[in-house]
Amino acid sequence: AVIRWSGGSTYYAGSVEGRFTISRDNAKNTVYLQM
């Protein structure tokens, strides 16, 4: 998965789409992957 830092658009591999979620917290400089 990938997330654009500006705008937050996301893209997933087909094998994980619908099960995994990528997100970011700009203030914490942290990116999460909820599986």
PDB file of all heavy atoms in Angstrom:
ATOM      1  N   ALA A   1       0.852  -1.197   0.000  1.00  0.00           N
ATOM      2  CA  ALA A   1       0.000   0.000   0.000  1.00  0.00           C
ATOM      3  C   ALA A   1       0.880   1.236   0.000  1.00  0.00           C
ATOM      4  O   ALA A   1       2.038   1.192   0.417  1.00  0.00           O
ATOM      5  CB  ALA A   1      -0.923   0.009   1.216  1.00  0.00           C
ATOM      6  N   VAL A   2       0.303   2.355  -0.457  1.00  0.00           N
ATOM      7  CA  VAL A   2       1.017   3.620  -0.463  1.00  0.00           C
ATOM      8  C   VAL A   2       0.036   4.745  -0.170  1.00  0.00           C
ATOM      9  O   VAL A   2      -1.146   4.655  -0.493  1.00  0.00           O
ATOM     10  CB  VAL A   2       1.736   3.863  -1.805  1.00  0.00           C
ATOM     11  CG1 VAL A   2       0.736   4.020  -2.936  1.00  0.00           C
ATOM     12  CG2 VAL A   2       2.658   5.081  -1.732  1.00  0.00           C
ATOM     13  N   ILE A   3       0.558   5.797   0.474  1.00  0.00           N
ATOM     14  CA  ILE A   3      -0.241   6.986   0.739  1.00  0.00           C
ATOM     15  C   ILE A   3       0.561   8.215   0.328  1.00  0.00           C
ATOM     16  O   ILE A   3       1.762   8.312   0.620  1.00  0.00           O
ATOM     17  CB  ILE A   3      -0.671   7.049   2.216  1.00  0.00           C
ATOM     18  CG1 ILE A   3      -1.641   8.220   2.448  1.00  0.00           C
ATOM     19  CG2 ILE A   3       0.525   7.144   3.161  1.00  0.00           C
ATOM     20  CD1 ILE A   3      -2.375   8.133   3.777  1.00  0.00           C
ATOM     21  N   ARG A   4      -0.080   9.102  -0.408  1.00  0.00           N
ATOM     22  CA  ARG A   4       0.557  10.357  -0.799  1.00  0.00           C
ATOM     23  C   ARG A   4       0.531  11.298   0.396  1.00  0.00           C
ATOM     24  O   ARG A   4      -0.499  11.439   1.057  1.00  0.00           O
ATOM     25  CB  ARG A   4      -0.195  10.996  -1.966  1.00  0.00           C
ATOM     26  CG  ARG A   4      -0.387  10.095  -3.166  1.00  0.00           C
ATOM     27  CD  ARG A   4       0.884   9.867  -3.913  1.00  0.00           C
ATOM     28  NE  ARG A   4       1.336  11.026  -4.635  1.00  0.00           N
ATOM     29  CZ  ARG A   4       1.134  11.219  -5.942  1.00  0.00           C
ATOM     30  NH1 ARG A   4       0.445  10.339  -6.632  1.00  0.00           N
ATOM     31  NH2 ARG A   4       1.615  12.292  -6.531  1.00  0.00           N
ATOM     32  N   TRP A   5       1.678  11.912   0.704  1.00  0.00           N
ATOM     33  CA  TRP A   5       1.739  12.748   1.896  1.00  0.00           C
ATOM     34  C   TRP A   5       0.854  13.980   1.765  1.00  0.00           C
ATOM     35  O   TRP A   5       0.200  14.387   2.727  1.00  0.00           O
ATOM     36  CB  TRP A   5       3.178  13.159   2.173  1.00  0.00           C
ATOM     37  CG  TRP A   5       3.382  13.490   3.616  1.00  0.00           C
ATOM     38  CD1 TRP A   5       3.474  14.727   4.174  1.00  0.00           C
ATOM     39  CD2 TRP A   5       3.491  12.552   4.693  1.00  0.00           C
ATOM     40  NE1 TRP A   5       3.635  14.623   5.532  1.00  0.00           N
ATOM     41  CE2 TRP A   5       3.647  13.303   5.878  1.00  0.00           C
ATOM     42  CE3 TRP A   5       3.468  11.159   4.773  1.00  0.00           C
ATOM     43  CZ2 TRP A   5       3.784  12.701   7.128  1.00  0.00           C
ATOM     44  CZ3 TRP A   5       3.603  10.564   6.004  1.00  0.00           C
ATOM     45  CH2 TRP A   5       3.760  11.331   7.162  1.00  0.00           C
ATOM     46  N   SER A   6       0.822  14.548   0.594  1.00  0.00           N
ATOM     47  CA  SER A   6      -0.043  15.695   0.346  1.00  0.00           C
ATOM     48  C   SER A   6      -1.339  15.210  -0.285  1.00  0.00           C
ATOM     49  O   SER A   6      -1.327  14.602  -1.337  1.00  0.00           O
ATOM     50  CB  SER A   6       0.648  16.691  -0.584  1.00  0.00           C
ATOM     51  OG  SER A   6      -0.206  17.766  -0.910  1.00  0.00           O
ATOM     52  N   GLY A   7      -2.424  15.427   0.381  1.00  0.00           N
ATOM     53  CA  GLY A   7      -3.711  14.992  -0.155  1.00  0.00           C
ATOM     54  C   GLY A   7      -4.194  13.678   0.419  1.00  0.00           C
ATOM     55  O   GLY A   7      -5.398  13.456   0.531  1.00  0.00           O
ATOM     56  N   GLY A   8      -3.276  12.801   0.738  1.00  0.00           N
ATOM     57  CA  GLY A   8      -3.640  11.549   1.392  1.00  0.00           C
ATOM     58  C   GLY A   8      -4.242  10.478   0.507  1.00  0.00           C
ATOM     59  O   GLY A   8      -4.839   9.528   1.006  1.00  0.00           O
ATOM     60  N   SER A   9      -4.092  10.605  -0.805  1.00  0.00           N
ATOM     61  CA  SER A   9      -4.651   9.549  -1.650  1.00  0.00           C
ATOM     62  C   SER A   9      -3.892   8.251  -1.417  1.00  0.00           C
ATOM     63  O   SER A   9      -2.699   8.252  -1.087  1.00  0.00           O
ATOM     64  CB  SER A   9      -4.594   9.952  -3.116  1.00  0.00           C
ATOM     65  OG  SER A   9      -3.258  10.149  -3.533  1.00  0.00           O
ATOM     66  N   THR A  10      -4.597   7.140  -1.590  1.00  0.00           N
ATOM     67  CA  THR A  10      -4.038   5.821  -1.288  1.00  0.00           C
ATOM     68  C   THR A  10      -4.175   4.879  -2.478  1.00  0.00           C
ATOM     69  O   THR A  10      -5.000   5.091  -3.379  1.00  0.00           O
ATOM     70  CB  THR A  10      -4.746   5.204  -0.071  1.00  0.00           C
ATOM     71  OG1 THR A  10      -6.142   5.094  -0.356  1.00  0.00           O
ATOM     72  CG2 THR A  10      -4.548   6.058   1.168  1.00  0.00           C
ATOM     73  N   TYR A  11      -3.366   3.842  -2.432  1.00  0.00           N
ATOM     74  CA  TYR A  11      -3.409   2.816  -3.481  1.00  0.00           C
ATOM     75  C   TYR A  11      -2.987   1.516  -2.840  1.00  0.00           C
ATOM     76  O   TYR A  11      -2.048   1.495  -2.036  1.00  0.00           O
ATOM     77  CB  TYR A  11      -2.462   3.196  -4.623  1.00  0.00           C
ATOM     78  CG  TYR A  11      -2.592   2.337  -5.853  1.00  0.00           C
ATOM     79  CD1 TYR A  11      -3.543   2.635  -6.815  1.00  0.00           C
ATOM     80  CD2 TYR A  11      -1.767   1.237  -6.044  1.00  0.00           C
ATOM     81  CE1 TYR A  11      -3.670   1.850  -7.946  1.00  0.00           C
ATOM     82  CE2 TYR A  11      -1.880   0.450  -7.170  1.00  0.00           C
ATOM     83  CZ  TYR A  11      -2.827   0.758  -8.135  1.00  0.00           C
ATOM     84  OH  TYR A  11      -2.953  -0.004  -9.256  1.00  0.00           O
ATOM     85  N   TYR A  12      -3.672   0.418  -3.194  1.00  0.00           N
ATOM     86  CA  TYR A  12      -3.421  -0.867  -2.557  1.00  0.00           C
ATOM     87  C   TYR A  12      -3.145  -1.958  -3.573  1.00  0.00           C
ATOM     88  O   TYR A  12      -3.657  -1.929  -4.697  1.00  0.00           O
ATOM     89  CB  TYR A  12      -4.649  -1.279  -1.735  1.00  0.00           C
ATOM     90  CG  TYR A  12      -4.978  -0.354  -0.591  1.00  0.00           C
ATOM     91  CD1 TYR A  12      -5.846   0.703  -0.760  1.00  0.00           C
ATOM     92  CD2 TYR A  12      -4.413  -0.557   0.673  1.00  0.00           C
ATOM     93  CE1 TYR A  12      -6.138   1.564   0.287  1.00  0.00           C
ATOM     94  CE2 TYR A  12      -4.716   0.285   1.733  1.00  0.00           C
ATOM     95  CZ  TYR A  12      -5.578   1.346   1.526  1.00  0.00           C
ATOM     96  OH  TYR A  12      -5.870   2.179   2.569  1.00  0.00           O
ATOM     97  N   ALA A  13      -2.399  -2.945  -3.130  1.00  0.00           N
ATOM     98  CA  ALA A  13      -2.281  -4.165  -3.905  1.00  0.00           C
ATOM     99  C   ALA A  13      -3.621  -4.882  -3.862  1.00  0.00           C
ATOM    100  O   ALA A  13      -4.333  -4.841  -2.855  1.00  0.00           O
ATOM    101  CB  ALA A  13      -1.182  -5.059  -3.320  1.00  0.00           C
ATOM    102  N   GLY A  14      -3.937  -5.572  -4.948  1.00  0.00           N
ATOM    103  CA  GLY A  14      -5.210  -6.257  -5.020  1.00  0.00           C
ATOM    104  C   GLY A  14      -5.396  -7.293  -3.932  1.00  0.00           C
ATOM    105  O   GLY A  14      -6.518  -7.540  -3.473  1.00  0.00           O
ATOM    106  N   SER A  15      -4.293  -7.898  -3.497  1.00  0.00           N
ATOM    107  CA  SER A  15      -4.372  -8.969  -2.507  1.00  0.00           C
ATOM    108  C   SER A  15      -4.763  -8.473  -1.114  1.00  0.00           C
ATOM    109  O   SER A  15      -5.162  -9.263  -0.258  1.00  0.00           O
ATOM    110  CB  SER A  15      -3.027  -9.695  -2.421  1.00  0.00           C
ATOM    111  OG  SER A  15      -2.001  -8.787  -2.069  1.00  0.00           O
ATOM    112  N   VAL A  16      -4.643  -7.172  -0.859  1.00  0.00           N
ATOM    113  CA  VAL A  16      -4.948  -6.643   0.462  1.00  0.00           C
ATOM    114  C   VAL A  16      -6.086  -5.633   0.446  1.00  0.00           C
ATOM    115  O   VAL A  16      -6.571  -5.236   1.521  1.00  0.00           O
ATOM    116  CB  VAL A  16      -3.707  -5.992   1.115  1.00  0.00           C
ATOM    117  CG1 VAL A  16      -2.533  -6.956   1.109  1.00  0.00           C
ATOM    118  CG2 VAL A  16      -3.333  -4.685   0.429  1.00  0.00           C
ATOM    119  N   GLU A  17      -6.504  -5.198  -0.715  1.00  0.00           N
ATOM    120  CA  GLU A  17      -7.553  -4.180  -0.797  1.00  0.00           C
ATOM    121  C   GLU A  17      -8.827  -4.680  -0.124  1.00  0.00           C
ATOM    122  O   GLU A  17      -9.250  -5.817  -0.329  1.00  0.00           O
ATOM    123  CB  GLU A  17      -7.825  -3.801  -2.242  1.00  0.00           C
ATOM    124  CG  GLU A  17      -8.684  -2.556  -2.387  1.00  0.00           C
ATOM    125  CD  GLU A  17      -8.552  -1.941  -3.757  1.00  0.00           C
ATOM    126  OE1 GLU A  17      -8.106  -2.636  -4.682  1.00  0.00           O
ATOM    127  OE2 GLU A  17      -8.900  -0.752  -3.905  1.00  0.00           O
ATOM    128  N   GLY A  18      -9.394  -3.810   0.703  1.00  0.00           N
ATOM    129  CA  GLY A  18     -10.589  -4.196   1.452  1.00  0.00           C
ATOM    130  C   GLY A  18     -10.284  -4.782   2.807  1.00  0.00           C
ATOM    131  O   GLY A  18     -11.169  -4.858   3.666  1.00  0.00           O
ATOM    132  N   ARG A  19      -9.039  -5.198   3.029  1.00  0.00           N
ATOM    133  CA  ARG A  19      -8.647  -5.756   4.330  1.00  0.00           C
ATOM    134  C   ARG A  19      -7.658  -4.841   5.057  1.00  0.00           C
ATOM    135  O   ARG A  19      -7.673  -4.769   6.290  1.00  0.00           O
ATOM    136  CB  ARG A  19      -7.998  -7.132   4.145  1.00  0.00           C
ATOM    137  CG  ARG A  19      -8.896  -8.157   3.500  1.00  0.00           C
ATOM    138  CD  ARG A  19      -8.273  -9.554   3.544  1.00  0.00           C
ATOM    139  NE  ARG A  19      -7.032  -9.614   2.777  1.00  0.00           N
ATOM    140  CZ  ARG A  19      -5.864  -9.997   3.298  1.00  0.00           C
ATOM    141  NH1 ARG A  19      -5.779 -10.349   4.578  1.00  0.00           N
ATOM    142  NH2 ARG A  19      -4.775 -10.055   2.536  1.00  0.00           N
ATOM    143  N   PHE A  20      -6.806  -4.177   4.308  1.00  0.00           N
ATOM    144  CA  PHE A  20      -5.785  -3.311   4.891  1.00  0.00           C
ATOM    145  C   PHE A  20      -6.143  -1.852   4.635  1.00  0.00           C
ATOM    146  O   PHE A  20      -6.712  -1.512   3.590  1.00  0.00           O
ATOM    147  CB  PHE A  20      -4.413  -3.567   4.275  1.00  0.00           C
ATOM    148  CG  PHE A  20      -3.803  -4.900   4.612  1.00  0.00           C
ATOM    149  CD1 PHE A  20      -4.509  -5.905   5.263  1.00  0.00           C
ATOM    150  CD2 PHE A  20      -2.470  -5.162   4.284  1.00  0.00           C
ATOM    151  CE1 PHE A  20      -3.939  -7.121   5.584  1.00  0.00           C
ATOM    152  CE2 PHE A  20      -1.872  -6.373   4.589  1.00  0.00           C
ATOM    153  CZ  PHE A  20      -2.612  -7.354   5.232  1.00  0.00           C
ATOM    154  N   THR A  21      -5.757  -0.983   5.560  1.00  0.00           N
ATOM    155  CA  THR A  21      -5.973   0.449   5.414  1.00  0.00           C
ATOM    156  C   THR A  21      -4.703   1.191   5.804  1.00  0.00           C
ATOM    157  O   THR A  21      -4.177   0.989   6.912  1.00  0.00           O
ATOM    158  CB  THR A  21      -7.132   0.938   6.289  1.00  0.00           C
ATOM    159  OG1 THR A  21      -8.326   0.228   5.949  1.00  0.00           O
ATOM    160  CG2 THR A  21      -7.370   2.430   6.074  1.00  0.00           C
ATOM    161  N   ILE A  22      -4.226   2.035   4.906  1.00  0.00           N
ATOM    162  CA  ILE A  22      -3.061   2.855   5.192  1.00  0.00           C
ATOM    163  C   ILE A  22      -3.537   4.260   5.538  1.00  0.00           C
ATOM    164  O   ILE A  22      -4.481   4.783   4.923  1.00  0.00           O
ATOM    165  CB  ILE A  22      -2.071   2.868   4.004  1.00  0.00           C
ATOM    166  CG1 ILE A  22      -0.758   3.548   4.385  1.00  0.00           C
ATOM    167  CG2 ILE A  22      -2.690   3.493   2.763  1.00  0.00           C
ATOM    168  CD1 ILE A  22       0.345   3.389   3.337  1.00  0.00           C
ATOM    169  N   SER A  23      -2.908   4.849   6.537  1.00  0.00           N
ATOM    170  CA  SER A  23      -3.275   6.199   6.948  1.00  0.00           C
ATOM    171  C   SER A  23      -2.045   6.913   7.475  1.00  0.00           C
ATOM    172  O   SER A  23      -1.005   6.281   7.700  1.00  0.00           O
ATOM    173  CB  SER A  23      -4.370   6.156   8.023  1.00  0.00           C
ATOM    174  OG  SER A  23      -3.910   5.488   9.178  1.00  0.00           O
ATOM    175  N   ARG A  24      -2.165   8.210   7.685  1.00  0.00           N
ATOM    176  CA  ARG A  24      -1.015   8.962   8.168  1.00  0.00           C
ATOM    177  C   ARG A  24      -1.452   9.975   9.212  1.00  0.00           C
ATOM    178  O   ARG A  24      -2.593  10.428   9.224  1.00  0.00           O
ATOM    179  CB  ARG A  24      -0.312   9.684   7.014  1.00  0.00           C
ATOM    180  CG  ARG A  24      -1.033  10.918   6.513  1.00  0.00           C
ATOM    181  CD  ARG A  24      -0.538  11.385   5.198  1.00  0.00           C
ATOM    182  NE  ARG A  24      -1.021  12.675   4.782  1.00  0.00           N
ATOM    183  CZ  ARG A  24      -2.278  13.020   4.541  1.00  0.00           C
ATOM    184  NH1 ARG A  24      -3.245  12.163   4.748  1.00  0.00           N
ATOM    185  NH2 ARG A  24      -2.571  14.230   4.110  1.00  0.00           N
ATOM    186  N   ASP A  25      -0.518  10.308  10.077  1.00  0.00           N
ATOM    187  CA  ASP A  25      -0.696  11.363  11.063  1.00  0.00           C
ATOM    188  C   ASP A  25       0.446  12.339  10.837  1.00  0.00           C
ATOM    189  O   ASP A  25       1.575  12.091  11.274  1.00  0.00           O
ATOM    190  CB  ASP A  25      -0.678  10.782  12.478  1.00  0.00           C
ATOM    191  CG  ASP A  25      -0.958  11.828  13.550  1.00  0.00           C
ATOM    192  OD1 ASP A  25      -0.640  13.012  13.335  1.00  0.00           O
ATOM    193  OD2 ASP A  25      -1.494  11.446  14.605  1.00  0.00           O
ATOM    194  N   ASN A  26       0.151  13.429  10.138  1.00  0.00           N
ATOM    195  CA  ASN A  26       1.210  14.367   9.767  1.00  0.00           C
ATOM    196  C   ASN A  26       1.921  14.933  10.989  1.00  0.00           C
ATOM    197  O   ASN A  26       3.143  15.101  10.987  1.00  0.00           O
ATOM    198  CB  ASN A  26       0.630  15.498   8.934  1.00  0.00           C
ATOM    199  CG  ASN A  26       0.196  15.044   7.565  1.00  0.00           C
ATOM    200  OD1 ASN A  26       0.043  13.838   7.326  1.00  0.00           O
ATOM    201  ND2 ASN A  26      -0.020  15.970   6.665  1.00  0.00           N
ATOM    202  N   ALA A  27       1.166  15.231  12.026  1.00  0.00           N
ATOM    203  CA  ALA A  27       1.756  15.851  13.211  1.00  0.00           C
ATOM    204  C   ALA A  27       2.756  14.933  13.900  1.00  0.00           C
ATOM    205  O   ALA A  27       3.718  15.396  14.512  1.00  0.00           O
ATOM    206  CB  ALA A  27       0.656  16.249  14.183  1.00  0.00           C
ATOM    207  N   LYS A  28       2.541  13.632  13.759  1.00  0.00           N
ATOM    208  CA  LYS A  28       3.427  12.658  14.408  1.00  0.00           C
ATOM    209  C   LYS A  28       4.425  12.058  13.433  1.00  0.00           C
ATOM    210  O   LYS A  28       5.190  11.165  13.816  1.00  0.00           O
ATOM    211  CB  LYS A  28       2.597  11.546  15.051  1.00  0.00           C
ATOM    212  CG  LYS A  28       1.705  12.005  16.180  1.00  0.00           C
ATOM    213  CD  LYS A  28       0.953  10.827  16.789  1.00  0.00           C
ATOM    214  CE  LYS A  28       0.083  11.290  17.949  1.00  0.00           C
ATOM    215  NZ  LYS A  28      -0.674  10.146  18.547  1.00  0.00           N
ATOM    216  N   ASN A  29       4.388  12.507  12.171  1.00  0.00           N
ATOM    217  CA  ASN A  29       5.267  11.925  11.142  1.00  0.00           C
ATOM    218  C   ASN A  29       5.167  10.395  11.139  1.00  0.00           C
ATOM    219  O   ASN A  29       6.183   9.694  11.040  1.00  0.00           O
ATOM    220  CB  ASN A  29       6.720  12.348  11.363  1.00  0.00           C
ATOM    221  CG  ASN A  29       6.961  13.785  10.974  1.00  0.00           C
ATOM    222  OD1 ASN A  29       6.271  14.339  10.128  1.00  0.00           O
ATOM    223  ND2 ASN A  29       7.939  14.403  11.596  1.00  0.00           N
ATOM    224  N   THR A  30       3.953   9.915  11.230  1.00  0.00           N
ATOM    225  CA  THR A  30       3.723   8.479  11.360  1.00  0.00           C
ATOM    226  C   THR A  30       2.727   8.010  10.318  1.00  0.00           C
ATOM    227  O   THR A  30       1.726   8.679  10.050  1.00  0.00           O
ATOM    228  CB  THR A  30       3.206   8.139  12.762  1.00  0.00           C
ATOM    229  OG1 THR A  30       4.164   8.576  13.737  1.00  0.00           O
ATOM    230  CG2 THR A  30       2.980   6.642  12.915  1.00  0.00           C
ATOM    231  N   VAL A  31       3.024   6.868   9.739  1.00  0.00           N
ATOM    232  CA  VAL A  31       2.116   6.202   8.812  1.00  0.00           C
ATOM    233  C   VAL A  31       1.729   4.857   9.418  1.00  0.00           C
ATOM    234  O   VAL A  31       2.589   4.152   9.957  1.00  0.00           O
ATOM    235  CB  VAL A  31       2.768   6.009   7.433  1.00  0.00           C
ATOM    236  CG1 VAL A  31       1.898   5.132   6.536  1.00  0.00           C
ATOM    237  CG2 VAL A  31       3.011   7.363   6.771  1.00  0.00           C
ATOM    238  N   TYR A  32       0.456   4.542   9.321  1.00  0.00           N
ATOM    239  CA  TYR A  32      -0.066   3.299   9.896  1.00  0.00           C
ATOM    240  C   TYR A  32      -0.535   2.355   8.795  1.00  0.00           C
ATOM    241  O   TYR A  32      -0.947   2.785   7.720  1.00  0.00           O
ATOM    242  CB  TYR A  32      -1.243   3.608  10.822  1.00  0.00           C
ATOM    243  CG  TYR A  32      -0.910   4.542  11.948  1.00  0.00           C
ATOM    244  CD1 TYR A  32      -1.200   5.897  11.864  1.00  0.00           C
ATOM    245  CD2 TYR A  32      -0.293   4.073  13.110  1.00  0.00           C
ATOM    246  CE1 TYR A  32      -0.885   6.769  12.891  1.00  0.00           C
ATOM    247  CE2 TYR A  32       0.019   4.940  14.144  1.00  0.00           C
ATOM    248  CZ  TYR A  32      -0.280   6.285  14.027  1.00  0.00           C
ATOM    249  OH  TYR A  32       0.027   7.131  15.054  1.00  0.00           O
ATOM    250  N   LEU A  33      -0.494   1.076   9.111  1.00  0.00           N
ATOM    251  CA  LEU A  33      -1.095   0.068   8.248  1.00  0.00           C
ATOM    252  C   LEU A  33      -1.978  -0.801   9.135  1.00  0.00           C
ATOM    253  O   LEU A  33      -1.471  -1.620   9.902  1.00  0.00           O
ATOM    254  CB  LEU A  33      -0.039  -0.783   7.536  1.00  0.00           C
ATOM    255  CG  LEU A  33      -0.597  -1.779   6.518  1.00  0.00           C
ATOM    256  CD1 LEU A  33      -1.198  -1.032   5.326  1.00  0.00           C
ATOM    257  CD2 LEU A  33       0.480  -2.748   6.051  1.00  0.00           C
ATOM    258  N   GLN A  34      -3.272  -0.576   9.033  1.00  0.00           N
ATOM    259  CA  GLN A  34      -4.237  -1.390   9.767  1.00  0.00           C
ATOM    260  C   GLN A  34      -4.530  -2.628   8.939  1.00  0.00           C
ATOM    261  O   GLN A  34      -4.983  -2.512   7.789  1.00  0.00           O
ATOM    262  CB  GLN A  34      -5.517  -0.604  10.031  1.00  0.00           C
ATOM    263  CG  GLN A  34      -6.594  -1.403  10.729  1.00  0.00           C
ATOM    264  CD  GLN A  34      -6.233  -1.756  12.157  1.00  0.00           C
ATOM    265  OE1 GLN A  34      -5.733  -0.930  12.903  1.00  0.00           O
ATOM    266  NE2 GLN A  34      -6.495  -3.004  12.543  1.00  0.00           N
ATOM    267  N   MET A  35      -4.283  -3.787   9.518  1.00  0.00           N
ATOM    268  CA  MET A  35      -4.453  -5.043   8.797  1.00  0.00           C
ATOM    269  C   MET A  35      -5.527  -5.859   9.480  1.00  0.00           C
ATOM    270  O   MET A  35      -5.364  -6.277  10.636  1.00  0.00           O
ATOM    271  CB  MET A  35      -3.132  -5.816   8.759  1.00  0.00           C
ATOM    272  CG  MET A  35      -1.967  -5.002   8.196  1.00  0.00           C
ATOM    273  SD  MET A  35      -0.450  -5.955   8.015  1.00  0.00           S
ATOM    274  CE  MET A  35      -0.095  -6.327   9.722  1.00  0.00           C
TER     275      MET A  35
END
